Amino acid sequence: MESIFTIGFDKLRVAGSFTNGIGNKYVANWNGSIWSEVGGLNSLATPNAIFALHIDRKGNLYAAGGLINMNNHFYLGIYNGTVWSELGGISTLASIGGLLDVTSDKYGNIYTCGGIKNSLGNYYVAKYTDPNSIAEYQNDLSFSAYPNPATDNLNLVLTSKQPLTISIQNTLGETIIEKTNLKQNSLQLNVTALEPGIYFITIANNKKSITRKFIKAN
């Protein structure tokens, strides 16, 4: 058994070299009561071992190992909660050997390595970029504010690519400062005129908002 992936406290995803009744390897799911094949009986249908599992931030499950398609190419399997498929489409990776590992980053990019060679015959780490994942990340609201406590200026670092509204409220919920239709990735707010105390800064786009606390110092 080469790989174990846990989800929560009552679900286990396990893969390796164990086989089902007709000799195929599979990803097993333990729901707290019984074991089953992820995707259903023989849905992955690989005769070779599975070396690594990974779950991205969307909840997609990836399996790397000896998965091989009709063109005798090894591929990275993705399970979207319903069916298994070949990430990127049939033979887009065109690996001549098994895949050893799989991971993802915060942008939704997927990385795998193993028997993948380029046109010069060199092995490399393959990266798969889903445009939808990048767009979703860019629309996410995430920001940092420093220094906190702040005396004169409060610096903001923003990740969203959508126009933003930034506002500062006091503990009574009254808006003290507001700026709209902002598109830059960084901003400096002058808070010198604010009375010392606790304030809340809200970042909002047309879908959602995030509010965090900061302290105005003397």
Protein backbone atom coordinates (compact mmCIF):
# COMPACT_ATOMS: atom_id res chain seq x y z
CA MET A 1 0.00 0.00 0.00
CA GLU A 2 1.77 3.13 -1.25
CA SER A 3 -0.58 6.01 -0.53
CA ILE A 4 -3.21 7.08 2.00
CA PHE A 5 -5.27 10.24 1.87
CA THR A 6 -7.68 11.20 4.65
CA ILE A 7 -10.70 13.47 4.49
CA GLY A 8 -12.31 14.55 7.75
CA PHE A 9 -12.62 11.98 10.50
CA ASP A 10 -14.86 9.38 8.88
CA LYS A 11 -13.53 9.06 5.32
CA LEU A 12 -10.35 7.46 4.06
CA ARG A 13 -8.99 7.29 0.52
CA VAL A 14 -6.38 4.56 0.02
CA ALA A 15 -4.42 3.46 -3.05
CA GLY A 16 -1.54 1.15 -3.80
CA SER A 17 -1.02 -2.28 -5.31
CA PHE A 18 -4.08 -4.10 -3.99
CA THR A 19 -6.52 -5.49 -6.56
CA ASN A 20 -10.24 -6.11 -6.99
CA GLY A 21 -11.96 -9.32 -8.07
CA ILE A 22 -10.81 -9.12 -11.69
CA GLY A 23 -7.24 -8.03 -10.98
CA ASN A 24 -7.50 -4.26 -11.44
CA LYS A 25 -5.95 -1.77 -9.04
CA TYR A 26 -8.22 0.95 -7.64
CA VAL A 27 -8.62 3.80 -5.17
CA ALA A 28 -10.50 2.57 -2.13
CA ASN A 29 -12.89 4.66 -0.05
CA TRP A 30 -13.73 3.96 3.60
CA ASN A 31 -16.89 5.78 4.70
CA GLY A 32 -16.76 4.65 8.32
CA SER A 33 -18.64 1.42 7.73
CA ILE A 34 -17.56 -0.26 4.48
CA TRP A 35 -14.87 -0.16 1.81
CA SER A 36 -15.75 0.60 -1.82
CA GLU A 37 -14.05 1.58 -5.09
CA VAL A 38 -13.99 5.32 -5.72
CA GLY A 39 -16.10 5.83 -8.84
CA GLY A 40 -17.60 2.35 -8.75
CA LEU A 41 -16.43 -1.14 -9.67
CA ASN A 42 -13.57 -1.08 -12.24
CA SER A 43 -14.18 2.60 -12.98
CA LEU A 44 -10.43 3.30 -12.91
CA ALA A 45 -9.54 -0.06 -14.50
CA THR A 46 -5.77 0.06 -14.17
CA PRO A 47 -3.67 -3.11 -13.97
CA ASN A 48 -0.76 -1.18 -12.43
CA ALA A 49 -0.14 0.19 -8.97
CA ILE A 50 -1.17 3.70 -7.88
CA PHE A 51 1.65 5.63 -6.24
CA ALA A 52 0.11 8.90 -5.05
CA LEU A 53 -3.20 10.61 -4.33
CA HIS A 54 -4.00 14.29 -4.02
CA ILE A 55 -7.09 16.43 -3.49
CA ASP A 56 -7.14 20.01 -4.76
CA ARG A 57 -9.01 22.96 -3.27
CA LYS A 58 -12.07 22.18 -5.41
CA GLY A 59 -12.31 18.67 -4.00
CA ASN A 60 -11.14 16.87 -7.15
CA LEU A 61 -9.23 13.66 -6.44
CA TYR A 62 -6.09 12.86 -8.47
CA ALA A 63 -4.39 9.48 -8.84
CA ALA A 64 -0.82 9.11 -10.11
CA GLY A 65 0.90 5.85 -10.91
CA GLY A 66 0.57 3.20 -13.57
CA LEU A 67 -2.67 4.41 -15.13
CA ILE A 68 -2.46 3.72 -18.86
CA ASN A 69 -4.85 4.64 -21.68
CA MET A 70 -5.81 3.07 -25.02
CA ASN A 71 -2.75 4.62 -26.68
CA ASN A 72 -0.43 2.98 -24.13
CA HIS A 73 0.35 6.35 -22.59
CA PHE A 74 0.48 6.81 -18.85
CA TYR A 75 -1.76 9.57 -17.55
CA LEU A 76 -2.90 11.45 -14.47
CA GLY A 77 -6.38 10.38 -13.39
CA ILE A 78 -8.90 12.89 -12.02
CA TYR A 79 -12.09 12.02 -10.16
CA ASN A 80 -14.61 14.88 -10.01
CA GLY A 81 -16.97 13.20 -7.58
CA THR A 82 -18.81 11.32 -10.32
CA VAL A 83 -16.40 9.79 -12.86
CA TRP A 84 -12.71 9.21 -13.46
CA SER A 85 -11.13 10.83 -16.54
CA GLU A 86 -7.73 11.69 -18.00
CA LEU A 87 -6.57 15.13 -16.90
CA GLY A 88 -6.17 17.34 -19.97
CA GLY A 89 -7.80 14.85 -22.34
CA ILE A 90 -6.70 11.64 -24.02
CA SER A 91 -2.89 11.39 -24.39
CA THR A 92 -2.27 15.11 -23.84
CA LEU A 93 0.45 14.21 -21.33
CA ALA A 94 1.74 11.30 -23.46
CA SER A 95 3.95 9.95 -20.70
CA ILE A 96 6.05 6.92 -21.59
CA GLY A 97 6.31 5.81 -17.96
CA GLY A 98 4.34 5.80 -14.75
CA LEU A 99 3.76 8.97 -12.71
CA LEU A 100 5.32 9.13 -9.27
CA ASP A 101 3.57 12.03 -7.55
CA VAL A 102 0.92 14.73 -7.90
CA THR A 103 0.24 18.02 -6.12
CA SER A 104 -1.43 21.40 -6.69
CA ASP A 105 -0.91 25.03 -5.75
CA LYS A 106 -3.24 27.78 -4.53
CA TYR A 107 -3.90 28.92 -8.11
CA GLY A 108 -5.35 25.54 -9.11
CA ASN A 109 -2.33 24.40 -11.14
CA ILE A 110 -1.64 20.66 -11.03
CA TYR A 111 1.89 19.22 -11.05
CA THR A 112 3.05 15.67 -11.72
CA CYS A 113 6.34 13.91 -12.44
CA GLY A 114 7.64 10.52 -13.46
CA GLY A 115 8.12 9.05 -16.89
CA ILE A 116 7.47 12.29 -18.78
CA LYS A 117 10.06 13.34 -21.38
CA ASN A 118 10.33 16.42 -23.59
CA SER A 119 11.43 16.55 -27.24
CA LEU A 120 15.10 16.47 -26.16
CA GLY A 121 14.60 13.28 -24.20
CA ASN A 122 14.88 14.96 -20.80
CA TYR A 123 12.52 14.21 -17.93
CA TYR A 124 10.52 17.12 -16.53
CA VAL A 125 7.80 18.11 -14.08
CA ALA A 126 4.53 18.63 -15.94
CA LYS A 127 2.19 21.49 -15.04
CA TYR A 128 -1.50 21.57 -15.93
CA THR A 129 -3.25 24.94 -15.80
CA ASP A 130 -7.03 25.15 -15.71
CA PRO A 131 -8.06 28.66 -16.89
CA ASN A 132 -11.23 28.44 -14.81
CA SER A 133 -9.18 27.83 -11.67
CA ILE A 134 -7.00 30.88 -12.34
CA ALA A 135 -10.06 33.05 -12.95
CA GLU A 136 -11.68 31.85 -9.74
CA TYR A 137 -8.54 32.59 -7.76
CA GLN A 138 -8.30 36.06 -9.22
CA ASN A 139 -11.89 36.72 -8.21
CA ASP A 140 -11.24 35.55 -4.67
CA LEU A 141 -11.08 38.15 -1.95
CA SER A 142 -7.84 38.01 -0.03
CA PHE A 143 -5.85 40.84 1.48
CA SER A 144 -3.27 41.70 4.10
CA ALA A 145 -3.13 44.91 6.12
CA TYR A 146 -0.06 46.27 7.92
CA PRO A 147 1.15 47.62 10.24
CA ASN A 148 -1.43 46.57 12.80
CA PRO A 149 -1.69 48.55 15.07
CA ALA A 150 -1.36 51.48 12.65
CA THR A 151 -0.43 55.05 13.55
CA ASP A 152 -0.33 57.07 10.34
CA ASN A 153 -0.78 54.78 7.32
CA LEU A 154 -2.42 51.40 6.81
CA ASN A 155 -0.99 49.45 3.85
CA LEU A 156 -3.17 46.98 1.97
CA VAL A 157 -2.05 44.19 -0.36
CA LEU A 158 -4.91 42.85 -2.50
CA THR A 159 -5.25 39.73 -4.68
CA SER A 160 -8.61 40.23 -6.39
CA LYS A 161 -8.58 41.41 -10.02
CA GLN A 162 -12.15 42.72 -9.81
CA PRO A 163 -12.93 46.34 -8.93
CA LEU A 164 -13.12 46.67 -5.16
CA THR A 165 -14.78 48.83 -2.57
CA ILE A 166 -12.75 49.43 0.58
CA SER A 167 -14.29 50.91 3.69
CA ILE A 168 -13.36 51.43 7.34
CA GLN A 169 -16.01 51.27 10.06
CA ASN A 170 -15.90 52.08 13.75
CA THR A 171 -17.32 49.82 16.47
CA LEU A 172 -20.75 51.43 15.99
CA GLY A 173 -20.82 50.31 12.35
CA GLU A 174 -20.40 53.84 11.02
CA THR A 175 -18.33 54.17 7.81
CA ILE A 176 -15.41 56.52 8.41
CA ILE A 177 -13.46 56.01 5.17
CA GLU A 178 -14.65 54.58 1.85
CA LYS A 179 -13.00 54.17 -1.54
CA THR A 180 -14.75 52.60 -4.55
CA ASN A 181 -13.88 51.07 -7.92
CA LEU A 182 -10.30 50.31 -6.92
CA LYS A 183 -8.28 48.09 -9.27
CA GLN A 184 -4.73 48.27 -7.97
CA ASN A 185 -2.97 45.46 -6.08
CA SER A 186 -1.75 47.68 -3.28
CA LEU A 187 -3.11 50.73 -1.48
CA GLN A 188 -2.11 53.00 1.37
CA LEU A 189 -4.80 54.52 3.57
CA ASN A 190 -4.05 57.53 5.75
CA VAL A 191 -5.59 56.85 9.16
CA THR A 192 -3.90 59.69 11.03
CA ALA A 193 -7.21 61.46 11.70
CA LEU A 194 -8.84 58.42 13.29
CA GLU A 195 -9.22 58.35 17.07
CA PRO A 196 -7.21 55.60 18.79
CA GLY A 197 -9.23 52.41 19.13
CA ILE A 198 -10.60 49.39 17.27
CA TYR A 199 -11.79 49.65 13.67
CA PHE A 200 -12.90 47.26 10.96
CA ILE A 201 -11.77 47.28 7.35
CA THR A 202 -14.04 45.72 4.70
CA ILE A 203 -12.97 44.68 1.20
CA ALA A 204 -15.85 43.91 -1.18
CA ASN A 205 -16.41 43.08 -4.83
CA ASN A 206 -19.69 42.39 -6.62
CA LYS A 207 -19.93 38.89 -5.13
CA LYS A 208 -18.73 38.93 -1.54
CA SER A 209 -16.86 40.80 1.16
CA ILE A 210 -14.27 40.23 3.86
CA THR A 211 -13.98 42.20 7.10
CA ARG A 212 -10.97 42.29 9.41
CA LYS A 213 -10.14 44.18 12.58
CA PHE A 214 -7.29 46.63 13.00
CA ILE A 215 -6.19 48.93 15.80
CA LYS A 216 -5.50 52.64 15.44
CA ALA A 217 -2.64 53.49 17.80
CA ASN A 218 -1.75 56.85 19.32
